[in-house]
C-alpha atoms as a PDB file:
ATOM      1  CA  MET A   1      -8.537 -22.472  -2.681  1.00  0.00           C
ATOM      2  CA  ILE A   2      -9.426 -20.541   0.501  1.00  0.00           C
ATOM      3  CA  ASN A   3     -10.355 -23.492   2.678  1.00  0.00           C
ATOM      4  CA  GLY A   4      -7.671 -24.029   5.369  1.00  0.00           C
ATOM      5  CA  LYS A   5      -5.930 -20.666   4.689  1.00  0.00           C
ATOM      6  CA  VAL A   6      -5.253 -18.070   7.465  1.00  0.00           C
ATOM      7  CA  ALA A   7      -6.457 -14.561   6.694  1.00  0.00           C
ATOM      8  CA  ILE A   8      -5.975 -11.244   8.502  1.00  0.00           C
ATOM      9  CA  ILE A   9      -8.566  -8.547   7.740  1.00  0.00           C
ATOM     10  CA  THR A  10      -7.909  -5.117   9.234  1.00  0.00           C
ATOM     11  CA  GLY A  11     -10.909  -2.907   9.910  1.00  0.00           C
ATOM     12  CA  SER A  12     -13.290  -5.864   9.904  1.00  0.00           C
ATOM     13  CA  GLY A  13     -15.762  -4.697  12.535  1.00  0.00           C
ATOM     14  CA  LYS A  14     -18.345  -3.464   9.993  1.00  0.00           C
ATOM     15  CA  GLY A  15     -18.953  -2.801   6.398  1.00  0.00           C
ATOM     16  CA  ILE A  16     -16.761  -4.351   3.706  1.00  0.00           C
ATOM     17  CA  GLY A  17     -14.411  -5.909   6.285  1.00  0.00           C
ATOM     18  CA  GLU A  18     -17.215  -7.537   8.139  1.00  0.00           C
ATOM     19  CA  ALA A  19     -18.824  -8.877   4.960  1.00  0.00           C
ATOM     20  CA  LEU A  20     -15.485 -10.325   3.824  1.00  0.00           C
ATOM     21  CA  ALA A  21     -14.719 -11.899   7.162  1.00  0.00           C
ATOM     22  CA  LEU A  22     -18.010 -13.700   7.207  1.00  0.00           C
ATOM     23  CA  LYS A  23     -17.581 -14.933   3.616  1.00  0.00           C
ATOM     24  CA  LEU A  24     -14.028 -16.140   4.323  1.00  0.00           C
ATOM     25  CA  GLY A  25     -15.188 -17.947   7.401  1.00  0.00           C
ATOM     26  CA  ARG A  26     -17.909 -19.708   5.449  1.00  0.00           C
ATOM     27  CA  LYS A  27     -15.295 -20.796   2.894  1.00  0.00           C
ATOM     28  CA  GLY A  28     -13.199 -22.489   5.584  1.00  0.00           C
ATOM     29  CA  ALA A  29     -10.519 -19.851   6.270  1.00  0.00           C
ATOM     30  CA  ALA A  30      -9.245 -19.101   9.757  1.00  0.00           C
ATOM     31  CA  VAL A  31     -10.105 -15.408  10.039  1.00  0.00           C
ATOM     32  CA  VAL A  32      -8.347 -12.881  12.230  1.00  0.00           C
ATOM     33  CA  CYS A  33     -10.755 -10.020  12.716  1.00  0.00           C
ATOM     34  CA  ASN A  34      -9.110  -6.682  13.560  1.00  0.00           C
ATOM     35  CA  SER A  35     -10.558  -3.333  14.546  1.00  0.00           C
ATOM     36  CA  VAL A  36      -9.315  -0.348  16.575  1.00  0.00           C
ATOM     37  CA  SER A  37     -12.381  -0.761  18.836  1.00  0.00           C
ATOM     38  CA  ASP A  38     -14.101  -3.898  19.965  1.00  0.00           C
ATOM     39  CA  SER A  39     -16.444  -3.945  16.973  1.00  0.00           C
ATOM     40  CA  ALA A  40     -14.786  -6.890  15.221  1.00  0.00           C
ATOM     41  CA  ALA A  41     -15.127  -9.075  18.284  1.00  0.00           C
ATOM     42  CA  GLY A  42     -18.736  -9.795  17.398  1.00  0.00           C
ATOM     43  CA  VAL A  43     -17.793 -10.645  13.848  1.00  0.00           C
ATOM     44  CA  ALA A  44     -15.297 -13.298  15.052  1.00  0.00           C
ATOM     45  CA  GLU A  45     -17.938 -14.691  17.393  1.00  0.00           C
ATOM     46  CA  ARG A  46     -20.372 -15.032  14.500  1.00  0.00           C
ATOM     47  CA  ILE A  47     -17.888 -16.980  12.440  1.00  0.00           C
ATOM     48  CA  ILE A  48     -17.180 -19.345  15.402  1.00  0.00           C
ATOM     49  CA  LYS A  49     -20.900 -19.771  16.054  1.00  0.00           C
ATOM     50  CA  ASP A  50     -21.393 -20.789  12.431  1.00  0.00           C
ATOM     51  CA  GLY A  51     -18.745 -23.537  12.904  1.00  0.00           C
ATOM     52  CA  GLY A  52     -15.734 -21.596  11.529  1.00  0.00           C
ATOM     53  CA  ARG A  53     -12.380 -20.634  12.995  1.00  0.00           C
ATOM     54  CA  ALA A  54     -11.766 -16.998  13.986  1.00  0.00           C
ATOM     55  CA  MET A  55     -10.221 -14.703  16.516  1.00  0.00           C
ATOM     56  CA  PHE A  56     -10.430 -11.047  17.381  1.00  0.00           C
ATOM     57  CA  VAL A  57      -7.338  -8.837  17.832  1.00  0.00           C
ATOM     58  CA  ARG A  58      -7.859  -5.257  18.770  1.00  0.00           C
ATOM     59  CA  GLY A  59      -5.241  -2.824  17.423  1.00  0.00           C
ATOM     60  CA  ASP A  60      -4.486   0.355  15.533  1.00  0.00           C
ATOM     61  CA  VAL A  61      -2.723  -0.425  12.225  1.00  0.00           C
ATOM     62  CA  SER A  62      -0.836   2.901  12.325  1.00  0.00           C
ATOM     63  CA  VAL A  63       0.878   1.879  15.591  1.00  0.00           C
ATOM     64  CA  ARG A  64       3.846  -0.433  15.212  1.00  0.00           C
ATOM     65  CA  ASP A  65       3.376  -2.242  18.570  1.00  0.00           C
ATOM     66  CA  ASP A  66      -0.295  -2.935  17.738  1.00  0.00           C
ATOM     67  CA  VAL A  67       0.697  -4.343  14.346  1.00  0.00           C
ATOM     68  CA  GLU A  68       3.270  -6.663  15.876  1.00  0.00           C
ATOM     69  CA  LYS A  69       0.595  -7.865  18.378  1.00  0.00           C
ATOM     70  CA  ILE A  70      -1.862  -8.590  15.521  1.00  0.00           C
ATOM     71  CA  VAL A  71       0.738 -10.643  13.649  1.00  0.00           C
ATOM     72  CA  SER A  72       2.192 -12.426  16.634  1.00  0.00           C
ATOM     73  CA  GLU A  73      -1.254 -13.493  17.934  1.00  0.00           C
ATOM     74  CA  THR A  74      -2.226 -14.657  14.457  1.00  0.00           C
ATOM     75  CA  THR A  75       0.824 -16.875  14.028  1.00  0.00           C
ATOM     76  CA  ARG A  76       0.685 -18.133  17.562  1.00  0.00           C
ATOM     77  CA  SER A  77      -2.897 -19.221  17.172  1.00  0.00           C
ATOM     78  CA  PHE A  78      -2.993 -20.374  13.509  1.00  0.00           C
ATOM     79  CA  GLY A  79       0.652 -21.099  12.648  1.00  0.00           C
ATOM     80  CA  GLY A  80       1.111 -18.718   9.738  1.00  0.00           C
ATOM     81  CA  ILE A  81      -0.486 -16.266   7.362  1.00  0.00           C
ATOM     82  CA  ASP A  82      -1.749 -16.829   3.847  1.00  0.00           C
ATOM     83  CA  ILE A  83      -3.902 -13.785   3.161  1.00  0.00           C
ATOM     84  CA  LEU A  84      -3.600 -10.167   4.273  1.00  0.00           C
ATOM     85  CA  VAL A  85      -6.393  -7.726   3.495  1.00  0.00           C
ATOM     86  CA  ASN A  86      -5.466  -4.142   4.232  1.00  0.00           C
ATOM     87  CA  ASN A  87      -8.974  -2.927   4.608  1.00  0.00           C
ATOM     88  CA  ALA A  88      -8.806  -0.514   7.583  1.00  0.00           C
ATOM     89  CA  GLY A  89      -9.207   3.112   6.463  1.00  0.00           C
ATOM     90  CA  ILE A  90     -10.830   6.451   7.243  1.00  0.00           C
ATOM     91  CA  VAL A  91     -12.600   9.078   5.096  1.00  0.00           C
ATOM     92  CA  LEU A  92     -12.134  12.716   6.109  1.00  0.00           C
ATOM     93  CA  PRO A  93     -13.573  15.501   3.994  1.00  0.00           C
ATOM     94  CA  GLY A  94     -11.677  18.531   2.812  1.00  0.00           C
ATOM     95  CA  THR A  95     -10.205  20.357  -0.174  1.00  0.00           C
ATOM     96  CA  ILE A  96      -6.734  21.820  -0.797  1.00  0.00           C
ATOM     97  CA  GLU A  97      -8.046  25.080   0.662  1.00  0.00           C
ATOM     98  CA  ASN A  98      -9.416  23.800   3.999  1.00  0.00           C
ATOM     99  CA  THR A  99      -7.831  20.495   4.826  1.00  0.00           C
ATOM    100  CA  ARG A 100      -6.206  20.639   8.266  1.00  0.00           C
ATOM    101  CA  VAL A 101      -2.709  19.282   8.736  1.00  0.00           C
ATOM    102  CA  GLU A 102      -4.040  16.955  11.444  1.00  0.00           C
ATOM    103  CA  ASP A 103      -6.550  15.472   9.000  1.00  0.00           C
ATOM    104  CA  TRP A 104      -3.918  15.003   6.339  1.00  0.00           C
ATOM    105  CA  GLU A 105      -1.601  13.249   8.759  1.00  0.00           C
ATOM    106  CA  LYS A 106      -4.312  11.013  10.197  1.00  0.00           C
ATOM    107  CA  SER A 107      -5.449   9.998   6.691  1.00  0.00           C
ATOM    108  CA  MET A 108      -1.890   9.104   5.748  1.00  0.00           C
ATOM    109  CA  ASP A 109      -1.180   7.337   9.076  1.00  0.00           C
ATOM    110  CA  ILE A 110      -4.112   4.920   8.854  1.00  0.00           C
ATOM    111  CA  ASN A 111      -4.660   4.556   5.084  1.00  0.00           C
ATOM    112  CA  VAL A 112      -1.017   4.405   3.992  1.00  0.00           C
ATOM    113  CA  THR A 113       1.367   3.845   6.932  1.00  0.00           C
ATOM    114  CA  GLY A 114      -1.018   1.238   8.316  1.00  0.00           C
ATOM    115  CA  LEU A 115      -0.778  -0.676   5.007  1.00  0.00           C
ATOM    116  CA  PHE A 116       3.008  -0.445   5.107  1.00  0.00           C
ATOM    117  CA  LEU A 117       3.366  -1.595   8.653  1.00  0.00           C
ATOM    118  CA  MET A 118       0.913  -4.552   8.271  1.00  0.00           C
ATOM    119  CA  SER A 119       2.395  -5.697   5.035  1.00  0.00           C
ATOM    120  CA  GLN A 120       5.986  -5.483   6.306  1.00  0.00           C
ATOM    121  CA  ALA A 121       5.093  -7.324   9.476  1.00  0.00           C
ATOM    122  CA  CYS A 122       3.305 -10.104   7.565  1.00  0.00           C
ATOM    123  CA  ILE A 123       5.644 -10.493   4.557  1.00  0.00           C
ATOM    124  CA  ARG A 124       7.953 -13.224   5.813  1.00  0.00           C
ATOM    125  CA  TYR A 125       4.980 -15.426   6.585  1.00  0.00           C
ATOM    126  CA  LEU A 126       3.324 -14.623   3.226  1.00  0.00           C
ATOM    127  CA  ILE A 127       6.512 -15.535   1.442  1.00  0.00           C
ATOM    128  CA  GLU A 128       6.706 -18.862   3.241  1.00  0.00           C
ATOM    129  CA  ARG A 129       3.179 -19.766   2.095  1.00  0.00           C
ATOM    130  CA  LYS A 130       3.184 -18.028  -1.288  1.00  0.00           C
ATOM    131  CA  GLY A 131       0.356 -15.835  -0.035  1.00  0.00           C
ATOM    132  CA  VAL A 132      -1.571 -12.850  -1.264  1.00  0.00           C
ATOM    133  CA  ILE A 133      -2.114  -9.247  -0.152  1.00  0.00           C
ATOM    134  CA  ILE A 134      -5.285  -7.316  -1.050  1.00  0.00           C
ATOM    135  CA  ASN A 135      -5.240  -3.571  -0.595  1.00  0.00           C
ATOM    136  CA  ASN A 136      -8.490  -1.604  -0.345  1.00  0.00           C
ATOM    137  CA  ALA A 137      -8.162   1.672  -2.272  1.00  0.00           C
ATOM    138  CA  SER A 138     -11.086   3.535  -3.791  1.00  0.00           C
ATOM    139  CA  THR A 139     -12.376   4.783  -7.108  1.00  0.00           C
ATOM    140  CA  VAL A 140     -11.161   8.168  -6.036  1.00  0.00           C
ATOM    141  CA  ALA A 141      -7.651   6.884  -6.860  1.00  0.00           C
ATOM    142  CA  LEU A 142      -8.839   6.616 -10.467  1.00  0.00           C
ATOM    143  CA  LYS A 143     -11.252   9.545 -10.737  1.00  0.00           C
ATOM    144  CA  GLY A 144     -11.307  12.847  -8.830  1.00  0.00           C
ATOM    145  CA  VAL A 145     -14.306  13.701  -6.608  1.00  0.00           C
ATOM    146  CA  LYS A 146     -14.985  16.829  -4.691  1.00  0.00           C
ATOM    147  CA  ASP A 147     -14.128  17.397  -1.050  1.00  0.00           C
ATOM    148  CA  ARG A 148     -11.813  14.350  -0.661  1.00  0.00           C
ATOM    149  CA  PHE A 149      -8.351  15.927  -0.936  1.00  0.00           C
ATOM    150  CA  ALA A 150      -6.437  13.966   1.736  1.00  0.00           C
ATOM    151  CA  TYR A 151      -8.461  10.778   1.201  1.00  0.00           C
ATOM    152  CA  THR A 152      -7.791  10.846  -2.510  1.00  0.00           C
ATOM    153  CA  ALA A 153      -4.106  11.328  -1.950  1.00  0.00           C
ATOM    154  CA  SER A 154      -3.944   8.406   0.497  1.00  0.00           C
ATOM    155  CA  LYS A 155      -5.878   6.080  -1.801  1.00  0.00           C
ATOM    156  CA  GLY A 156      -3.733   7.060  -4.730  1.00  0.00           C
ATOM    157  CA  ALA A 157      -0.834   5.985  -2.689  1.00  0.00           C
ATOM    158  CA  VAL A 158      -2.490   2.656  -1.903  1.00  0.00           C
ATOM    159  CA  LEU A 159      -2.956   2.019  -5.635  1.00  0.00           C
ATOM    160  CA  ALA A 160       0.669   2.916  -6.427  1.00  0.00           C
ATOM    161  CA  LEU A 161       2.049   0.856  -3.538  1.00  0.00           C
ATOM    162  CA  THR A 162       0.037  -2.135  -4.780  1.00  0.00           C
ATOM    163  CA  ARG A 163       1.910  -2.096  -8.099  1.00  0.00           C
ATOM    164  CA  SER A 164       5.273  -1.491  -6.439  1.00  0.00           C
ATOM    165  CA  MET A 165       4.780  -4.332  -3.985  1.00  0.00           C
ATOM    166  CA  ALA A 166       3.540  -6.672  -6.775  1.00  0.00           C
ATOM    167  CA  ALA A 167       6.710  -5.992  -8.737  1.00  0.00           C
ATOM    168  CA  ASP A 168       8.941  -6.544  -5.732  1.00  0.00           C
ATOM    169  CA  LEU A 169       7.242  -9.741  -4.642  1.00  0.00           C
ATOM    170  CA  ILE A 170       6.310 -11.556  -7.845  1.00  0.00           C
ATOM    171  CA  GLU A 171       9.578 -13.581  -7.883  1.00  0.00           C
ATOM    172  CA  LYS A 172       8.939 -14.653  -4.301  1.00  0.00           C
ATOM    173  CA  GLY A 173       5.492 -16.021  -5.074  1.00  0.00           C
ATOM    174  CA  VAL A 174       3.435 -13.376  -3.297  1.00  0.00           C
ATOM    175  CA  ARG A 175       0.629 -11.712  -5.249  1.00  0.00           C
ATOM    176  CA  VAL A 176      -0.520  -8.159  -4.471  1.00  0.00           C
ATOM    177  CA  ASN A 177      -3.784  -6.799  -5.787  1.00  0.00           C
ATOM    178  CA  CYS A 178      -6.046  -3.824  -5.205  1.00  0.00           C
ATOM    179  CA  ILE A 179      -9.783  -3.326  -5.001  1.00  0.00           C
ATOM    180  CA  CYS A 180     -11.285   0.066  -5.856  1.00  0.00           C
ATOM    181  CA  PRO A 181     -14.873   0.290  -4.521  1.00  0.00           C
ATOM    182  CA  GLY A 182     -17.343   2.776  -5.718  1.00  0.00           C
ATOM    183  CA  THR A 183     -19.670   4.476  -3.279  1.00  0.00           C
ATOM    184  CA  THR A 184     -20.718   1.605  -0.977  1.00  0.00           C
ATOM    185  CA  PHE A 185     -23.508   1.870   1.570  1.00  0.00           C
ATOM    186  CA  THR A 186     -21.856   0.952   4.849  1.00  0.00           C
ATOM    187  CA  PRO A 187     -22.380   2.118   8.452  1.00  0.00           C
ATOM    188  CA  SER A 188     -19.494   4.530   7.931  1.00  0.00           C
ATOM    189  CA  LEU A 189     -21.097   6.144   4.936  1.00  0.00           C
ATOM    190  CA  ASP A 190     -24.501   6.284   6.724  1.00  0.00           C
ATOM    191  CA  LYS A 191     -22.833   8.087   9.622  1.00  0.00           C
ATOM    192  CA  ARG A 192     -21.234  10.619   7.272  1.00  0.00           C
ATOM    193  CA  LEU A 193     -24.438  11.249   5.395  1.00  0.00           C
ATOM    194  CA  SER A 194     -26.313  11.834   8.735  1.00  0.00           C
ATOM    195  CA  GLN A 195     -24.017  14.744   9.438  1.00  0.00           C
ATOM    196  CA  PHE A 196     -25.568  16.730   6.615  1.00  0.00           C
ATOM    197  CA  ASP A 197     -28.617  18.899   7.175  1.00  0.00           C
ATOM    198  CA  ASP A 198     -30.520  17.176   4.345  1.00  0.00           C
ATOM    199  CA  TYR A 199     -29.740  13.441   4.639  1.00  0.00           C
ATOM    200  CA  GLU A 200     -31.960  12.316   1.730  1.00  0.00           C
ATOM    201  CA  GLN A 201     -30.680  14.999  -0.672  1.00  0.00           C
ATOM    202  CA  LYS A 202     -27.087  14.195   0.082  1.00  0.00           C
ATOM    203  CA  LYS A 203     -27.767  10.487  -0.278  1.00  0.00           C
ATOM    204  CA  LYS A 204     -29.209  11.117  -3.762  1.00  0.00           C
ATOM    205  CA  GLU A 205     -26.049  13.038  -4.686  1.00  0.00           C
ATOM    206  CA  PHE A 206     -23.802  10.235  -3.568  1.00  0.00           C
ATOM    207  CA  ILE A 207     -25.926   7.672  -5.455  1.00  0.00           C
ATOM    208  CA  ALA A 208     -25.725   9.816  -8.619  1.00  0.00           C
ATOM    209  CA  ARG A 209     -21.932   9.168  -8.762  1.00  0.00           C
ATOM    210  CA  GLN A 210     -22.684   5.669 -10.038  1.00  0.00           C
ATOM    211  CA  PRO A 211     -24.169   5.388 -13.568  1.00  0.00           C
ATOM    212  CA  MET A 212     -25.940   2.265 -12.415  1.00  0.00           C
ATOM    213  CA  GLY A 213     -27.998   4.512 -10.153  1.00  0.00           C
ATOM    214  CA  ARG A 214     -27.462   2.831  -6.771  1.00  0.00           C
ATOM    215  CA  PHE A 215     -24.935   2.254  -4.022  1.00  0.00           C
ATOM    216  CA  GLY A 216     -22.741  -0.817  -4.012  1.00  0.00           C
ATOM    217  CA  THR A 217     -23.159  -3.200  -1.121  1.00  0.00           C
ATOM    218  CA  ALA A 218     -20.403  -4.420   1.254  1.00  0.00           C
ATOM    219  CA  GLU A 219     -21.096  -7.976   0.032  1.00  0.00           C
ATOM    220  CA  GLU A 220     -20.483  -6.976  -3.613  1.00  0.00           C
ATOM    221  CA  ILE A 221     -17.122  -5.419  -2.774  1.00  0.00           C
ATOM    222  CA  ALA A 222     -16.238  -8.513  -0.660  1.00  0.00           C
ATOM    223  CA  ASP A 223     -16.965 -10.673  -3.687  1.00  0.00           C
ATOM    224  CA  GLY A 224     -14.457  -8.628  -5.685  1.00  0.00           C
ATOM    225  CA  ILE A 225     -11.843  -9.206  -2.995  1.00  0.00           C
ATOM    226  CA  LEU A 226     -12.569 -12.931  -2.978  1.00  0.00           C
ATOM    227  CA  TYR A 227     -11.976 -12.994  -6.695  1.00  0.00           C
ATOM    228  CA  LEU A 228      -8.602 -11.264  -6.308  1.00  0.00           C
ATOM    229  CA  ILE A 229      -7.586 -13.668  -3.535  1.00  0.00           C
ATOM    230  CA  ASP A 230      -8.314 -16.698  -5.703  1.00  0.00           C
ATOM    231  CA  ALA A 231      -7.160 -15.350  -9.092  1.00  0.00           C
ATOM    232  CA  ASP A 232      -3.745 -16.978  -9.386  1.00  0.00           C
ATOM    233  CA  PHE A 233      -2.897 -15.134 -12.641  1.00  0.00           C
ATOM    234  CA  CYS A 234      -3.580 -11.692 -11.169  1.00  0.00           C
ATOM    235  CA  THR A 235      -0.915  -9.583  -9.442  1.00  0.00           C
ATOM    236  CA  GLY A 236      -0.675  -5.862  -9.596  1.00  0.00           C
ATOM    237  CA  THR A 237      -4.296  -5.935 -10.647  1.00  0.00           C
ATOM    238  CA  ILE A 238      -6.435  -2.893  -9.937  1.00  0.00           C
ATOM    239  CA  LEU A 239     -10.108  -3.914  -9.847  1.00  0.00           C
ATOM    240  CA  PRO A 240     -12.861  -1.244  -9.777  1.00  0.00           C
ATOM    241  CA  VAL A 241     -16.160  -2.469  -8.397  1.00  0.00           C
ATOM    242  CA  ASP A 242     -18.030   0.776  -8.766  1.00  0.00           C
ATOM    243  CA  GLY A 243     -21.284   0.649 -10.632  1.00  0.00           C
ATOM    244  CA  GLY A 244     -19.663   2.266 -13.704  1.00  0.00           C
ATOM    245  CA  MET A 245     -18.239   5.266 -11.860  1.00  0.00           C
ATOM    246  CA  THR A 246     -14.876   5.068 -13.626  1.00  0.00           C
ATOM    247  CA  MET A 247     -16.025   3.789 -17.012  1.00  0.00           C
END
């Protein structure tokens, strides 16, 4: 049951995080909406306007002080933590030949170190309430795609860390699961596509990754996360929601 639970969603200002925050709010959870900018503030306001409980905490998950602020403001306002969704992430292009060290480090800082810092900061509260952690990886952790060298490495780490954390925490009553979205049409993807000379052609190429012949939606990925939150017999589970990309 999600009603009455307290959930932190990192990177919830748009896309999958936004869709999930709104769904959790409608299901009666108190939702802490986080983003590195002010984008998640409006998401929290929408939840409150719809009669739910929510708050916005700005912070960079790769910065320890920001992480401590997110957790302390959550527990001060809502009394504990039941659900942590490590959703914040970035996608930077590149291959082994041309990836810059700065892009490698930034990918690891946000996609991997951010997950570590948030999970470690929340863990004692999650143990108290027998909570759940959901990590957002990607189908690139299961299947190689071109021009995603650092991103793939970081998401492979997210998948492996999920299994490690699940093994460490199972006896303490905390479940840890992982969602692997296929190519999902979000504002982030739209922005990346717009950087190409031929937007429509590149969009068709990205759609072609999925045998189902379309992009996923943020709401569909959020539904997969909701399943993993509620699935009491799932821990260490890796769930692709990818239109057949990894079949």
